[in-house]
Amino acid sequence: MASGRLVTVTLARAWDAGERMEQAGHVEFAVVLDANGRPDLQAWFDDPDPWPATRIVPGQPPEGGDVGHDEEGWVLRFFAGEGSAADVPPHRIVDASGPFRPGEILTLRAPDGAEAAWRVVNVSARAL
């Protein structure tokens, strides 16, 4: 268990302002936030369990995954197919220096290099 408290962060595509999350899909992931609302790297290092992530796309089964960190920063990996989790290319959170709170915008870079803006629509306590 992480030294801090895991929360669930829910993201929706920022350009889909008029479209409901159920139509556009969304991303949910667990993270420990520091006092400033940013991901807590030490909590991630200290936690022996992976922090889960899920990508929900309408009409498709949810894709499970995890939250990671490397020399370039925070990443989300989604395990859609077969193979080793270590081989899954990450979706990079381009800049995680701001707080993760509703209304904030995060840019995710897909494995193919395409970037998209995602809005934080919810941050909630995670059920144990």
Protein backbone atom coordinates (compact mmCIF):
# COMPACT_ATOMS: atom_id res chain seq x y z
CA MET A 1 0.00 0.00 0.00
CA ALA A 2 1.26 3.47 -0.83
CA SER A 3 2.36 5.77 1.95
CA GLY A 4 -0.25 8.35 0.84
CA ARG A 5 -3.82 7.83 -0.19
CA LEU A 6 -4.61 6.62 -3.67
CA VAL A 7 -7.23 8.64 -5.54
CA THR A 8 -8.89 7.97 -8.88
CA VAL A 9 -8.35 10.63 -11.54
CA THR A 10 -10.85 10.61 -14.43
CA LEU A 11 -9.99 12.26 -17.75
CA ALA A 12 -12.25 13.13 -20.71
CA ARG A 13 -11.10 14.49 -24.07
CA ALA A 14 -10.90 18.26 -23.68
CA TRP A 15 -12.15 19.02 -27.19
CA ASP A 16 -15.29 16.99 -26.52
CA ALA A 17 -16.83 19.68 -24.30
CA GLY A 18 -20.32 19.18 -25.71
CA GLU A 19 -20.03 15.43 -25.92
CA ARG A 20 -20.84 13.28 -22.94
CA MET A 21 -18.14 11.06 -21.48
CA GLU A 22 -20.24 8.00 -22.32
CA GLN A 23 -19.98 8.89 -26.02
CA ALA A 24 -16.33 9.98 -26.17
CA GLY A 25 -14.80 7.52 -23.73
CA HIS A 26 -12.53 8.32 -20.84
CA VAL A 27 -9.41 7.33 -18.91
CA GLU A 28 -9.26 6.53 -15.19
CA PHE A 29 -6.10 5.96 -13.19
CA ALA A 30 -5.01 5.68 -9.59
CA VAL A 31 -2.34 7.98 -8.22
CA VAL A 32 -1.17 9.39 -4.90
CA LEU A 33 -1.19 13.19 -4.98
CA ASP A 34 1.14 15.33 -2.91
CA ALA A 35 0.03 18.36 -0.90
CA ASN A 36 0.06 20.45 -4.11
CA GLY A 37 -2.14 18.01 -6.04
CA ARG A 38 0.69 16.60 -8.19
CA PRO A 39 1.63 12.92 -8.52
CA ASP A 40 3.83 11.81 -5.61
CA LEU A 41 6.90 10.09 -7.06
CA GLN A 42 8.14 8.79 -3.70
CA ALA A 43 4.76 7.18 -2.99
CA TRP A 44 4.97 5.45 -6.39
CA PHE A 45 8.48 4.15 -5.61
CA ASP A 46 7.36 3.00 -2.14
CA ASP A 47 4.23 1.15 -3.32
CA PRO A 48 4.87 -2.51 -4.17
CA ASP A 49 1.56 -2.72 -6.06
CA PRO A 50 1.05 -1.22 -9.53
CA TRP A 51 -1.24 1.77 -9.70
CA PRO A 52 -4.08 0.71 -12.05
CA ALA A 53 -5.24 2.57 -15.14
CA THR A 54 -8.22 1.89 -17.42
CA ARG A 55 -9.14 3.23 -20.84
CA ILE A 56 -12.86 3.10 -21.65
CA VAL A 57 -13.83 3.38 -25.32
CA PRO A 58 -17.54 3.08 -26.21
CA GLY A 59 -18.40 -0.23 -27.85
CA GLN A 60 -15.15 -1.90 -26.76
CA PRO A 61 -14.15 -3.78 -23.63
CA PRO A 62 -12.23 -1.69 -21.06
CA GLU A 63 -8.46 -1.81 -21.44
CA GLY A 64 -6.68 -2.33 -18.15
CA GLY A 65 -3.22 -0.98 -17.55
CA ASP A 66 -1.03 0.81 -15.07
CA VAL A 67 0.64 4.08 -14.15
CA GLY A 68 4.40 4.26 -14.46
CA HIS A 69 7.30 6.63 -14.23
CA ASP A 70 10.56 6.71 -16.14
CA GLU A 71 13.40 9.15 -16.84
CA GLU A 72 11.04 11.30 -18.95
CA GLY A 73 8.16 11.44 -16.45
CA TRP A 74 4.72 9.89 -15.84
CA VAL A 75 3.17 7.39 -18.26
CA LEU A 76 -0.02 5.36 -18.65
CA ARG A 77 0.19 1.90 -20.25
CA PHE A 78 -2.83 -0.02 -21.52
CA PHE A 79 -2.63 -3.78 -22.07
CA ALA A 80 -4.97 -4.39 -25.01
CA GLY A 81 -3.22 -7.39 -26.50
CA GLU A 82 -1.02 -10.32 -25.69
CA GLY A 83 2.62 -10.06 -24.68
CA SER A 84 4.68 -8.74 -21.84
CA ALA A 85 3.51 -5.65 -19.98
CA ALA A 86 7.10 -4.36 -20.25
CA ASP A 87 6.70 -4.29 -24.06
CA VAL A 88 3.59 -2.08 -24.06
CA PRO A 89 4.37 1.41 -25.42
CA PRO A 90 3.27 4.13 -23.00
CA HIS A 91 0.94 7.08 -23.32
CA ARG A 92 3.09 9.85 -21.87
CA ILE A 93 1.66 12.61 -19.66
CA VAL A 94 3.50 15.47 -21.34
CA ASP A 95 3.61 17.79 -18.31
CA ALA A 96 2.59 16.66 -14.82
CA SER A 97 3.92 19.73 -13.03
CA GLY A 98 0.48 21.24 -12.39
CA PRO A 99 -2.17 19.98 -10.00
CA PHE A 100 -4.47 17.11 -10.95
CA ARG A 101 -7.83 18.67 -10.07
CA PRO A 102 -11.12 19.06 -11.94
CA GLY A 103 -10.88 21.53 -14.79
CA GLU A 104 -7.13 21.15 -15.32
CA ILE A 105 -5.91 20.04 -18.77
CA LEU A 106 -3.35 17.26 -19.30
CA THR A 107 -1.76 16.44 -22.63
CA LEU A 108 -1.27 12.76 -23.39
CA ARG A 109 1.15 11.69 -26.11
CA ALA A 110 0.14 8.36 -27.68
CA PRO A 111 2.77 5.79 -28.66
CA ASP A 112 2.52 7.02 -32.28
CA GLY A 113 3.44 10.58 -31.16
CA ALA A 114 -0.04 12.10 -31.55
CA GLU A 115 -0.93 14.45 -28.71
CA ALA A 116 -4.40 15.12 -27.33
CA ALA A 117 -5.68 17.38 -24.58
CA TRP A 118 -7.62 15.68 -21.77
CA ARG A 119 -9.56 17.45 -19.02
CA VAL A 120 -9.54 16.25 -15.43
CA VAL A 121 -13.25 15.78 -14.76
CA ASN A 122 -13.06 14.07 -11.39
CA VAL A 123 -10.65 13.27 -8.56
CA SER A 124 -12.16 10.98 -5.97
CA ALA A 125 -11.15 8.83 -3.03
CA ARG A 126 -10.43 5.30 -4.14
CA ALA A 127 -12.40 2.44 -2.60
CA LEU A 128 -10.18 0.06 -0.65
